[in-house]
Amino acid sequence: MGLQTNKSGRHFPTIAQNDLPQGRNGKHKSVVSAIIADLDHLEKGAALKIEIAELDDTKENVRSALNRATRKLKRNVATASDEQFLYVWNVND
């Protein structure tokens, strides 16, 4: 089963760019934004202690989303975890 072309000769419908959603608000945005905001106020030598059970997704997925966001912001953070908590802290160069 191949792709069908429509009357205009295109395979896919079109939409005006003005009607497109602007920006990407992934499902981890709220938790990642909260973590970054807390990191902004974190004392040197301290780490955030985030209960994994309270996350909306797996710790691996939240950690990946946090990694993407902090790289984009050019922030240097580290993470660790155990069975119950995800720990996040600022890495001071």
PDB file of N, CA and C in Angstrom:
ATOM      1  N   MET A   1       0.853  -1.180   0.000  1.00  0.00           N
ATOM      2  CA  MET A   1       0.000   0.000   0.000  1.00  0.00           C
ATOM      3  C   MET A   1       0.892   1.234   0.000  1.00  0.00           C
ATOM      4  N   GLY A   2       0.900   1.987  -1.063  1.00  0.00           N
ATOM      5  CA  GLY A   2       1.727   3.179  -1.188  1.00  0.00           C
ATOM      6  C   GLY A   2       0.960   4.432  -0.803  1.00  0.00           C
ATOM      7  N   LEU A   3       1.669   5.532  -0.760  1.00  0.00           N
ATOM      8  CA  LEU A   3       1.035   6.814  -0.472  1.00  0.00           C
ATOM      9  C   LEU A   3       0.216   7.265  -1.670  1.00  0.00           C
ATOM     10  N   GLN A   4      -0.932   7.805  -1.415  1.00  0.00           N
ATOM     11  CA  GLN A   4      -1.793   8.316  -2.471  1.00  0.00           C
ATOM     12  C   GLN A   4      -1.543   9.811  -2.652  1.00  0.00           C
ATOM     13  N   THR A   5      -1.589  10.292  -3.868  1.00  0.00           N
ATOM     14  CA  THR A   5      -1.479  11.729  -4.110  1.00  0.00           C
ATOM     15  C   THR A   5      -2.882  12.292  -4.237  1.00  0.00           C
ATOM     16  N   ASN A   6      -3.032  13.544  -3.834  1.00  0.00           N
ATOM     17  CA  ASN A   6      -4.338  14.185  -3.958  1.00  0.00           C
ATOM     18  C   ASN A   6      -4.385  14.989  -5.253  1.00  0.00           C
ATOM     19  N   LYS A   7      -5.436  15.758  -5.460  1.00  0.00           N
ATOM     20  CA  LYS A   7      -5.618  16.508  -6.713  1.00  0.00           C
ATOM     21  C   LYS A   7      -4.474  17.475  -6.985  1.00  0.00           C
ATOM     22  N   SER A   8      -3.849  18.008  -5.930  1.00  0.00           N
ATOM     23  CA  SER A   8      -2.773  18.978  -6.110  1.00  0.00           C
ATOM     24  C   SER A   8      -1.438  18.309  -6.414  1.00  0.00           C
ATOM     25  N   GLY A   9      -1.406  16.990  -6.352  1.00  0.00           N
ATOM     26  CA  GLY A   9      -0.169  16.269  -6.602  1.00  0.00           C
ATOM     27  C   GLY A   9       0.667  16.042  -5.348  1.00  0.00           C
ATOM     28  N   ARG A  10       0.184  16.500  -4.184  1.00  0.00           N
ATOM     29  CA  ARG A  10       0.904  16.306  -2.923  1.00  0.00           C
ATOM     30  C   ARG A  10       0.409  15.033  -2.240  1.00  0.00           C
ATOM     31  N   HIS A  11       1.269  14.493  -1.414  1.00  0.00           N
ATOM     32  CA  HIS A  11       0.908  13.299  -0.645  1.00  0.00           C
ATOM     33  C   HIS A  11       0.209  13.646   0.666  1.00  0.00           C
ATOM     34  N   PHE A  12       0.475  14.820   1.196  1.00  0.00           N
ATOM     35  CA  PHE A  12      -0.031  15.203   2.514  1.00  0.00           C
ATOM     36  C   PHE A  12      -0.799  16.516   2.418  1.00  0.00           C
ATOM     37  N   PRO A  13      -1.782  16.700   3.309  1.00  0.00           N
ATOM     38  CA  PRO A  13      -2.514  17.968   3.313  1.00  0.00           C
ATOM     39  C   PRO A  13      -1.617  19.104   3.809  1.00  0.00           C
ATOM     40  N   THR A  14      -2.053  20.323   3.576  1.00  0.00           N
ATOM     41  CA  THR A  14      -1.285  21.492   4.016  1.00  0.00           C
ATOM     42  C   THR A  14      -2.074  22.268   5.061  1.00  0.00           C
ATOM     43  N   ILE A  15      -1.353  23.135   5.758  1.00  0.00           N
ATOM     44  CA  ILE A  15      -1.940  24.005   6.769  1.00  0.00           C
ATOM     45  C   ILE A  15      -1.163  25.319   6.743  1.00  0.00           C
ATOM     46  N   ALA A  16      -1.819  26.417   7.015  1.00  0.00           N
ATOM     47  CA  ALA A  16      -1.136  27.714   7.068  1.00  0.00           C
ATOM     48  C   ALA A  16      -0.192  27.734   8.260  1.00  0.00           C
ATOM     49  N   GLN A  17       0.994  28.285   8.077  1.00  0.00           N
ATOM     50  CA  GLN A  17       1.979  28.330   9.158  1.00  0.00           C
ATOM     51  C   GLN A  17       1.465  29.111  10.358  1.00  0.00           C
ATOM     52  N   ASN A  18       0.610  30.101  10.125  1.00  0.00           N
ATOM     53  CA  ASN A  18       0.047  30.873  11.242  1.00  0.00           C
ATOM     54  C   ASN A  18      -0.831  30.017  12.150  1.00  0.00           C
ATOM     55  N   ASP A  19      -1.338  28.913  11.622  1.00  0.00           N
ATOM     56  CA  ASP A  19      -2.213  28.027  12.399  1.00  0.00           C
ATOM     57  C   ASP A  19      -1.453  26.947  13.161  1.00  0.00           C
ATOM     58  N   LEU A  20      -0.128  26.912  13.004  1.00  0.00           N
ATOM     59  CA  LEU A  20       0.671  25.892  13.680  1.00  0.00           C
ATOM     60  C   LEU A  20       0.858  26.227  15.145  1.00  0.00           C
ATOM     61  N   PRO A  21       0.945  25.213  16.011  1.00  0.00           N
ATOM     62  CA  PRO A  21       1.274  25.479  17.416  1.00  0.00           C
ATOM     63  C   PRO A  21       2.697  26.034  17.492  1.00  0.00           C
ATOM     64  N   GLN A  22       2.884  27.029  18.316  1.00  0.00           N
ATOM     65  CA  GLN A  22       4.195  27.658  18.451  1.00  0.00           C
ATOM     66  C   GLN A  22       4.883  27.156  19.705  1.00  0.00           C
ATOM     67  N   GLY A  23       6.134  26.735  19.561  1.00  0.00           N
ATOM     68  CA  GLY A  23       6.895  26.253  20.709  1.00  0.00           C
ATOM     69  C   GLY A  23       6.556  24.809  21.010  1.00  0.00           C
ATOM     70  N   ARG A  24       7.402  24.212  21.820  1.00  0.00           N
ATOM     71  CA  ARG A  24       7.183  22.824  22.207  1.00  0.00           C
ATOM     72  C   ARG A  24       7.101  22.754  23.721  1.00  0.00           C
ATOM     73  N   ASN A  25       5.975  22.348  24.193  1.00  0.00           N
ATOM     74  CA  ASN A  25       5.786  22.153  25.628  1.00  0.00           C
ATOM     75  C   ASN A  25       5.634  20.666  25.869  1.00  0.00           C
ATOM     76  N   GLY A  26       6.758  20.007  26.078  1.00  0.00           N
ATOM     77  CA  GLY A  26       6.754  18.573  26.302  1.00  0.00           C
ATOM     78  C   GLY A  26       6.078  18.219  27.612  1.00  0.00           C
ATOM     79  N   LYS A  27       5.836  16.936  27.800  1.00  0.00           N
ATOM     80  CA  LYS A  27       5.119  16.500  28.995  1.00  0.00           C
ATOM     81  C   LYS A  27       5.950  16.646  30.263  1.00  0.00           C
ATOM     82  N   HIS A  28       7.253  16.871  30.126  1.00  0.00           N
ATOM     83  CA  HIS A  28       8.104  17.037  31.300  1.00  0.00           C
ATOM     84  C   HIS A  28       8.370  18.497  31.629  1.00  0.00           C
ATOM     85  N   LYS A  29       7.775  19.409  30.876  1.00  0.00           N
ATOM     86  CA  LYS A  29       8.103  20.823  31.041  1.00  0.00           C
ATOM     87  C   LYS A  29       7.885  21.318  32.471  1.00  0.00           C
ATOM     88  N   SER A  30       6.781  20.974  33.085  1.00  0.00           N
ATOM     89  CA  SER A  30       6.489  21.518  34.410  1.00  0.00           C
ATOM     90  C   SER A  30       7.484  21.019  35.454  1.00  0.00           C
ATOM     91  N   VAL A  31       7.800  19.739  35.447  1.00  0.00           N
ATOM     92  CA  VAL A  31       8.733  19.224  36.451  1.00  0.00           C
ATOM     93  C   VAL A  31      10.149  19.732  36.183  1.00  0.00           C
ATOM     94  N   VAL A  32      10.550  19.788  34.919  1.00  0.00           N
ATOM     95  CA  VAL A  32      11.892  20.278  34.589  1.00  0.00           C
ATOM     96  C   VAL A  32      12.007  21.761  34.941  1.00  0.00           C
ATOM     97  N   SER A  33      10.982  22.539  34.640  1.00  0.00           N
ATOM     98  CA  SER A  33      10.998  23.969  34.990  1.00  0.00           C
ATOM     99  C   SER A  33      11.087  24.163  36.498  1.00  0.00           C
ATOM    100  N   ALA A  34      10.368  23.338  37.252  1.00  0.00           N
ATOM    101  CA  ALA A  34      10.410  23.439  38.715  1.00  0.00           C
ATOM    102  C   ALA A  34      11.793  23.076  39.251  1.00  0.00           C
ATOM    103  N   ILE A  35      12.402  22.042  38.684  1.00  0.00           N
ATOM    104  CA  ILE A  35      13.741  21.642  39.131  1.00  0.00           C
ATOM    105  C   ILE A  35      14.738  22.754  38.848  1.00  0.00           C
ATOM    106  N   ILE A  36      14.694  23.315  37.642  1.00  0.00           N
ATOM    107  CA  ILE A  36      15.631  24.387  37.291  1.00  0.00           C
ATOM    108  C   ILE A  36      15.419  25.605  38.174  1.00  0.00           C
ATOM    109  N   ALA A  37      14.163  25.946  38.454  1.00  0.00           N
ATOM    110  CA  ALA A  37      13.885  27.078  39.341  1.00  0.00           C
ATOM    111  C   ALA A  37      14.457  26.825  40.737  1.00  0.00           C
ATOM    112  N   ASP A  38      14.313  25.603  41.248  1.00  0.00           N
ATOM    113  CA  ASP A  38      14.870  25.278  42.564  1.00  0.00           C
ATOM    114  C   ASP A  38      16.392  25.278  42.534  1.00  0.00           C
ATOM    115  N   LEU A  39      16.982  24.847  41.427  1.00  0.00           N
ATOM    116  CA  LEU A  39      18.450  24.880  41.309  1.00  0.00           C
ATOM    117  C   LEU A  39      18.980  26.315  41.358  1.00  0.00           C
ATOM    118  N   ASP A  40      18.182  27.261  40.850  1.00  0.00           N
ATOM    119  CA  ASP A  40      18.587  28.673  40.882  1.00  0.00           C
ATOM    120  C   ASP A  40      18.756  29.178  42.309  1.00  0.00           C
ATOM    121  N   HIS A  41      18.049  28.581  43.258  1.00  0.00           N
ATOM    122  CA  HIS A  41      18.082  29.036  44.656  1.00  0.00           C
ATOM    123  C   HIS A  41      18.807  28.068  45.580  1.00  0.00           C
ATOM    124  N   LEU A  42      19.454  27.084  45.005  1.00  0.00           N
ATOM    125  CA  LEU A  42      20.100  26.043  45.793  1.00  0.00           C
ATOM    126  C   LEU A  42      21.442  26.531  46.337  1.00  0.00           C
ATOM    127  N   GLU A  43      21.668  26.266  47.611  1.00  0.00           N
ATOM    128  CA  GLU A  43      22.935  26.641  48.230  1.00  0.00           C
ATOM    129  C   GLU A  43      24.061  25.777  47.684  1.00  0.00           C
ATOM    130  N   LYS A  44      25.249  26.326  47.650  1.00  0.00           N
ATOM    131  CA  LYS A  44      26.418  25.563  47.199  1.00  0.00           C
ATOM    132  C   LYS A  44      26.624  24.371  48.135  1.00  0.00           C
ATOM    133  N   GLY A  45      26.866  23.204  47.555  1.00  0.00           N
ATOM    134  CA  GLY A  45      27.085  22.000  48.335  1.00  0.00           C
ATOM    135  C   GLY A  45      25.816  21.239  48.684  1.00  0.00           C
ATOM    136  N   ALA A  46      24.655  21.723  48.227  1.00  0.00           N
ATOM    137  CA  ALA A  46      23.383  21.053  48.507  1.00  0.00           C
ATOM    138  C   ALA A  46      22.844  20.427  47.223  1.00  0.00           C
ATOM    139  N   ALA A  47      21.914  19.483  47.378  1.00  0.00           N
ATOM    140  CA  ALA A  47      21.277  18.829  46.229  1.00  0.00           C
ATOM    141  C   ALA A  47      19.772  18.775  46.464  1.00  0.00           C
ATOM    142  N   LEU A  48      19.017  18.840  45.377  1.00  0.00           N
ATOM    143  CA  LEU A  48      17.577  18.635  45.466  1.00  0.00           C
ATOM    144  C   LEU A  48      17.310  17.149  45.656  1.00  0.00           C
ATOM    145  N   LYS A  49      16.325  16.813  46.463  1.00  0.00           N
ATOM    146  CA  LYS A  49      15.945  15.429  46.742  1.00  0.00           C
ATOM    147  C   LYS A  49      14.500  15.261  46.285  1.00  0.00           C
ATOM    148  N   ILE A  50      14.326  14.632  45.122  1.00  0.00           N
ATOM    149  CA  ILE A  50      13.019  14.555  44.478  1.00  0.00           C
ATOM    150  C   ILE A  50      12.508  13.120  44.568  1.00  0.00           C
ATOM    151  N   GLU A  51      11.350  12.952  45.157  1.00  0.00           N
ATOM    152  CA  GLU A  51      10.792  11.611  45.312  1.00  0.00           C
ATOM    153  C   GLU A  51      10.338  11.077  43.953  1.00  0.00           C
ATOM    154  N   ILE A  52      10.868   9.943  43.561  1.00  0.00           N
ATOM    155  CA  ILE A  52      10.583   9.355  42.256  1.00  0.00           C
ATOM    156  C   ILE A  52       9.101   9.042  42.104  1.00  0.00           C
ATOM    157  N   ALA A  53       8.450   8.616  43.167  1.00  0.00           N
ATOM    158  CA  ALA A  53       7.026   8.270  43.104  1.00  0.00           C
ATOM    159  C   ALA A  53       6.163   9.476  42.737  1.00  0.00           C
ATOM    160  N   GLU A  54       6.654  10.692  42.964  1.00  0.00           N
ATOM    161  CA  GLU A  54       5.892  11.894  42.660  1.00  0.00           C
ATOM    162  C   GLU A  54       6.082  12.371  41.220  1.00  0.00           C
ATOM    163  N   LEU A  55       7.008  11.765  40.492  1.00  0.00           N
ATOM    164  CA  LEU A  55       7.235  12.149  39.101  1.00  0.00           C
ATOM    165  C   LEU A  55       6.136  11.573  38.221  1.00  0.00           C
ATOM    166  N   ASP A  56       5.792  12.290  37.154  1.00  0.00           N
ATOM    167  CA  ASP A  56       4.754  11.827  36.232  1.00  0.00           C
ATOM    168  C   ASP A  56       5.261  10.778  35.259  1.00  0.00           C
ATOM    169  N   ASP A  57       6.557  10.502  35.291  1.00  0.00           N
ATOM    170  CA  ASP A  57       7.157   9.569  34.346  1.00  0.00           C
ATOM    171  C   ASP A  57       8.311   8.873  35.062  1.00  0.00           C
ATOM    172  N   THR A  58       9.049   8.057  34.331  1.00  0.00           N
ATOM    173  CA  THR A  58      10.176   7.361  34.939  1.00  0.00           C
ATOM    174  C   THR A  58      11.302   8.344  35.245  1.00  0.00           C
ATOM    175  N   LYS A  59      12.136   7.975  36.190  1.00  0.00           N
ATOM    176  CA  LYS A  59      13.267   8.848  36.522  1.00  0.00           C
ATOM    177  C   LYS A  59      14.183   9.006  35.319  1.00  0.00           C
ATOM    178  N   GLU A  60      14.306   7.960  34.485  1.00  0.00           N
ATOM    179  CA  GLU A  60      15.168   8.036  33.305  1.00  0.00           C
ATOM    180  C   GLU A  60      14.650   9.075  32.310  1.00  0.00           C
ATOM    181  N   ASN A  61      13.341   9.092  32.098  1.00  0.00           N
ATOM    182  CA  ASN A  61      12.773  10.060  31.164  1.00  0.00           C
ATOM    183  C   ASN A  61      12.857  11.481  31.695  1.00  0.00           C
ATOM    184  N   VAL A  62      12.615  11.667  32.981  1.00  0.00           N
ATOM    185  CA  VAL A  62      12.740  13.000  33.579  1.00  0.00           C
ATOM    186  C   VAL A  62      14.195  13.451  33.548  1.00  0.00           C
ATOM    187  N   ARG A  63      15.104  12.543  33.860  1.00  0.00           N
ATOM    188  CA  ARG A  63      16.534  12.860  33.817  1.00  0.00           C
ATOM    189  C   ARG A  63      16.951  13.262  32.403  1.00  0.00           C
ATOM    190  N   SER A  64      16.471  12.569  31.398  1.00  0.00           N
ATOM    191  CA  SER A  64      16.791  12.906  30.008  1.00  0.00           C
ATOM    192  C   SER A  64      16.238  14.281  29.629  1.00  0.00           C
ATOM    193  N   ALA A  65      15.010  14.552  30.018  1.00  0.00           N
ATOM    194  CA  ALA A  65      14.411  15.859  29.727  1.00  0.00           C
ATOM    195  C   ALA A  65      15.177  16.970  30.432  1.00  0.00           C
ATOM    196  N   LEU A  66      15.583  16.720  31.673  1.00  0.00           N
ATOM    197  CA  LEU A  66      16.368  17.704  32.419  1.00  0.00           C
ATOM    198  C   LEU A  66      17.720  17.929  31.741  1.00  0.00           C
ATOM    199  N   ASN A  67      18.335  16.866  31.274  1.00  0.00           N
ATOM    200  CA  ASN A  67      19.612  16.968  30.582  1.00  0.00           C
ATOM    201  C   ASN A  67      19.480  17.828  29.324  1.00  0.00           C
ATOM    202  N   ARG A  68      18.435  17.594  28.540  1.00  0.00           N
ATOM    203  CA  ARG A  68      18.219  18.395  27.330  1.00  0.00           C
ATOM    204  C   ARG A  68      18.027  19.867  27.672  1.00  0.00           C
ATOM    205  N   ALA A  69      17.224  20.132  28.685  1.00  0.00           N
ATOM    206  CA  ALA A  69      16.930  21.520  29.058  1.00  0.00           C
ATOM    207  C   ALA A  69      18.163  22.235  29.600  1.00  0.00           C
ATOM    208  N   THR A  70      18.937  21.564  30.446  1.00  0.00           N
ATOM    209  CA  THR A  70      20.103  22.230  31.027  1.00  0.00           C
ATOM    210  C   THR A  70      21.207  22.437  29.995  1.00  0.00           C
ATOM    211  N   ARG A  71      21.339  21.523  29.046  1.00  0.00           N
ATOM    212  CA  ARG A  71      22.314  21.737  27.957  1.00  0.00           C
ATOM    213  C   ARG A  71      21.912  22.943  27.129  1.00  0.00           C
ATOM    214  N   LYS A  72      20.633  23.070  26.848  1.00  0.00           N
ATOM    215  CA  LYS A  72      20.127  24.198  26.071  1.00  0.00           C
ATOM    216  C   LYS A  72      20.394  25.510  26.796  1.00  0.00           C
ATOM    217  N   LEU A  73      20.274  25.486  28.117  1.00  0.00           N
ATOM    218  CA  LEU A  73      20.521  26.680  28.940  1.00  0.00           C
ATOM    219  C   LEU A  73      21.995  26.865  29.291  1.00  0.00           C
ATOM    220  N   LYS A  74      22.828  25.924  28.823  1.00  0.00           N
ATOM    221  CA  LYS A  74      24.264  25.928  29.132  1.00  0.00           C
ATOM    222  C   LYS A  74      24.519  25.912  30.643  1.00  0.00           C
ATOM    223  N   ARG A  75      23.722  25.072  31.325  1.00  0.00           N
ATOM    224  CA  ARG A  75      23.864  24.884  32.770  1.00  0.00           C
ATOM    225  C   ARG A  75      24.560  23.561  33.014  1.00  0.00           C
ATOM    226  N   ASN A  76      25.385  23.529  34.040  1.00  0.00           N
ATOM    227  CA  ASN A  76      26.111  22.319  34.385  1.00  0.00           C
ATOM    228  C   ASN A  76      25.514  21.745  35.665  1.00  0.00           C
ATOM    229  N   VAL A  77      24.759  20.666  35.517  1.00  0.00           N
ATOM    230  CA  VAL A  77      24.151  20.011  36.673  1.00  0.00           C
ATOM    231  C   VAL A  77      24.507  18.532  36.655  1.00  0.00           C
ATOM    232  N   ALA A  78      24.367  17.913  37.793  1.00  0.00           N
ATOM    233  CA  ALA A  78      24.618  16.476  37.918  1.00  0.00           C
ATOM    234  C   ALA A  78      23.410  15.836  38.579  1.00  0.00           C
ATOM    235  N   THR A  79      23.270  14.532  38.351  1.00  0.00           N
ATOM    236  CA  THR A  79      22.174  13.789  38.960  1.00  0.00           C
ATOM    237  C   THR A  79      22.692  12.469  39.507  1.00  0.00           C
ATOM    238  N   ALA A  80      21.970  11.969  40.469  1.00  0.00           N
ATOM    239  CA  ALA A  80      22.192  10.631  41.006  1.00  0.00           C
ATOM    240  C   ALA A  80      20.820  10.136  41.448  1.00  0.00           C
ATOM    241  N   SER A  81      20.717   8.862  41.702  1.00  0.00           N
ATOM    242  CA  SER A  81      19.439   8.339  42.172  1.00  0.00           C
ATOM    243  C   SER A  81      19.657   7.074  42.959  1.00  0.00           C
ATOM    244  N   ASP A  82      18.677   6.780  43.780  1.00  0.00           N
ATOM    245  CA  ASP A  82      18.595   5.486  44.434  1.00  0.00           C
ATOM    246  C   ASP A  82      17.195   4.960  44.144  1.00  0.00           C
ATOM    247  N   GLU A  83      16.738   3.984  44.862  1.00  0.00           N
ATOM    248  CA  GLU A  83      15.439   3.391  44.567  1.00  0.00           C
ATOM    249  C   GLU A  83      14.278   4.340  44.820  1.00  0.00           C
ATOM    250  N   GLN A  84      14.453   5.320  45.680  1.00  0.00           N
ATOM    251  CA  GLN A  84      13.342   6.174  46.080  1.00  0.00           C
ATOM    252  C   GLN A  84      13.459   7.619  45.610  1.00  0.00           C
ATOM    253  N   PHE A  85      14.684   8.121  45.406  1.00  0.00           N
ATOM    254  CA  PHE A  85      14.864   9.545  45.118  1.00  0.00           C
ATOM    255  C   PHE A  85      15.762   9.792  43.911  1.00  0.00           C
ATOM    256  N   LEU A  86      15.495  10.917  43.255  1.00  0.00           N
ATOM    257  CA  LEU A  86      16.371  11.475  42.235  1.00  0.00           C
ATOM    258  C   LEU A  86      17.008  12.696  42.876  1.00  0.00           C
ATOM    259  N   TYR A  87      18.331  12.775  42.819  1.00  0.00           N
ATOM    260  CA  TYR A  87      19.068  13.886  43.398  1.00  0.00           C
ATOM    261  C   TYR A  87      19.648  14.722  42.260  1.00  0.00           C
ATOM    262  N   VAL A  88      19.516  16.039  42.374  1.00  0.00           N
ATOM    263  CA  VAL A  88      20.015  16.943  41.338  1.00  0.00           C
ATOM    264  C   VAL A  88      20.736  18.102  42.017  1.00  0.00           C
ATOM    265  N   TRP A  89      21.909  18.467  41.482  1.00  0.00           N
ATOM    266  CA  TRP A  89      22.664  19.582  42.045  1.00  0.00           C
ATOM    267  C   TRP A  89      23.427  20.319  40.959  1.00  0.00           C
ATOM    268  N   ASN A  90      23.777  21.546  41.285  1.00  0.00           N
ATOM    269  CA  ASN A  90      24.585  22.379  40.397  1.00  0.00           C
ATOM    270  C   ASN A  90      26.036  21.924  40.505  1.00  0.00           C
ATOM    271  N   VAL A  91      26.697  21.860  39.366  1.00  0.00           N
ATOM    272  CA  VAL A  91      28.133  21.569  39.345  1.00  0.00           C
ATOM    273  C   VAL A  91      28.833  22.894  39.142  1.00  0.00           C
ATOM    274  N   ASN A  92      29.616  23.270  40.124  1.00  0.00           N
ATOM    275  CA  ASN A  92      30.327  24.543  40.046  1.00  0.00           C
ATOM    276  C   ASN A  92      31.692  24.312  39.437  1.00  0.00           C
ATOM    277  N   ASP A  93      31.938  25.013  38.337  1.00  0.00           N
ATOM    278  CA  ASP A  93      33.226  24.852  37.651  1.00  0.00           C
ATOM    279  C   ASP A  93      34.353  25.496  38.408  1.00  0.00           C
TER     280      ASP A  93
END
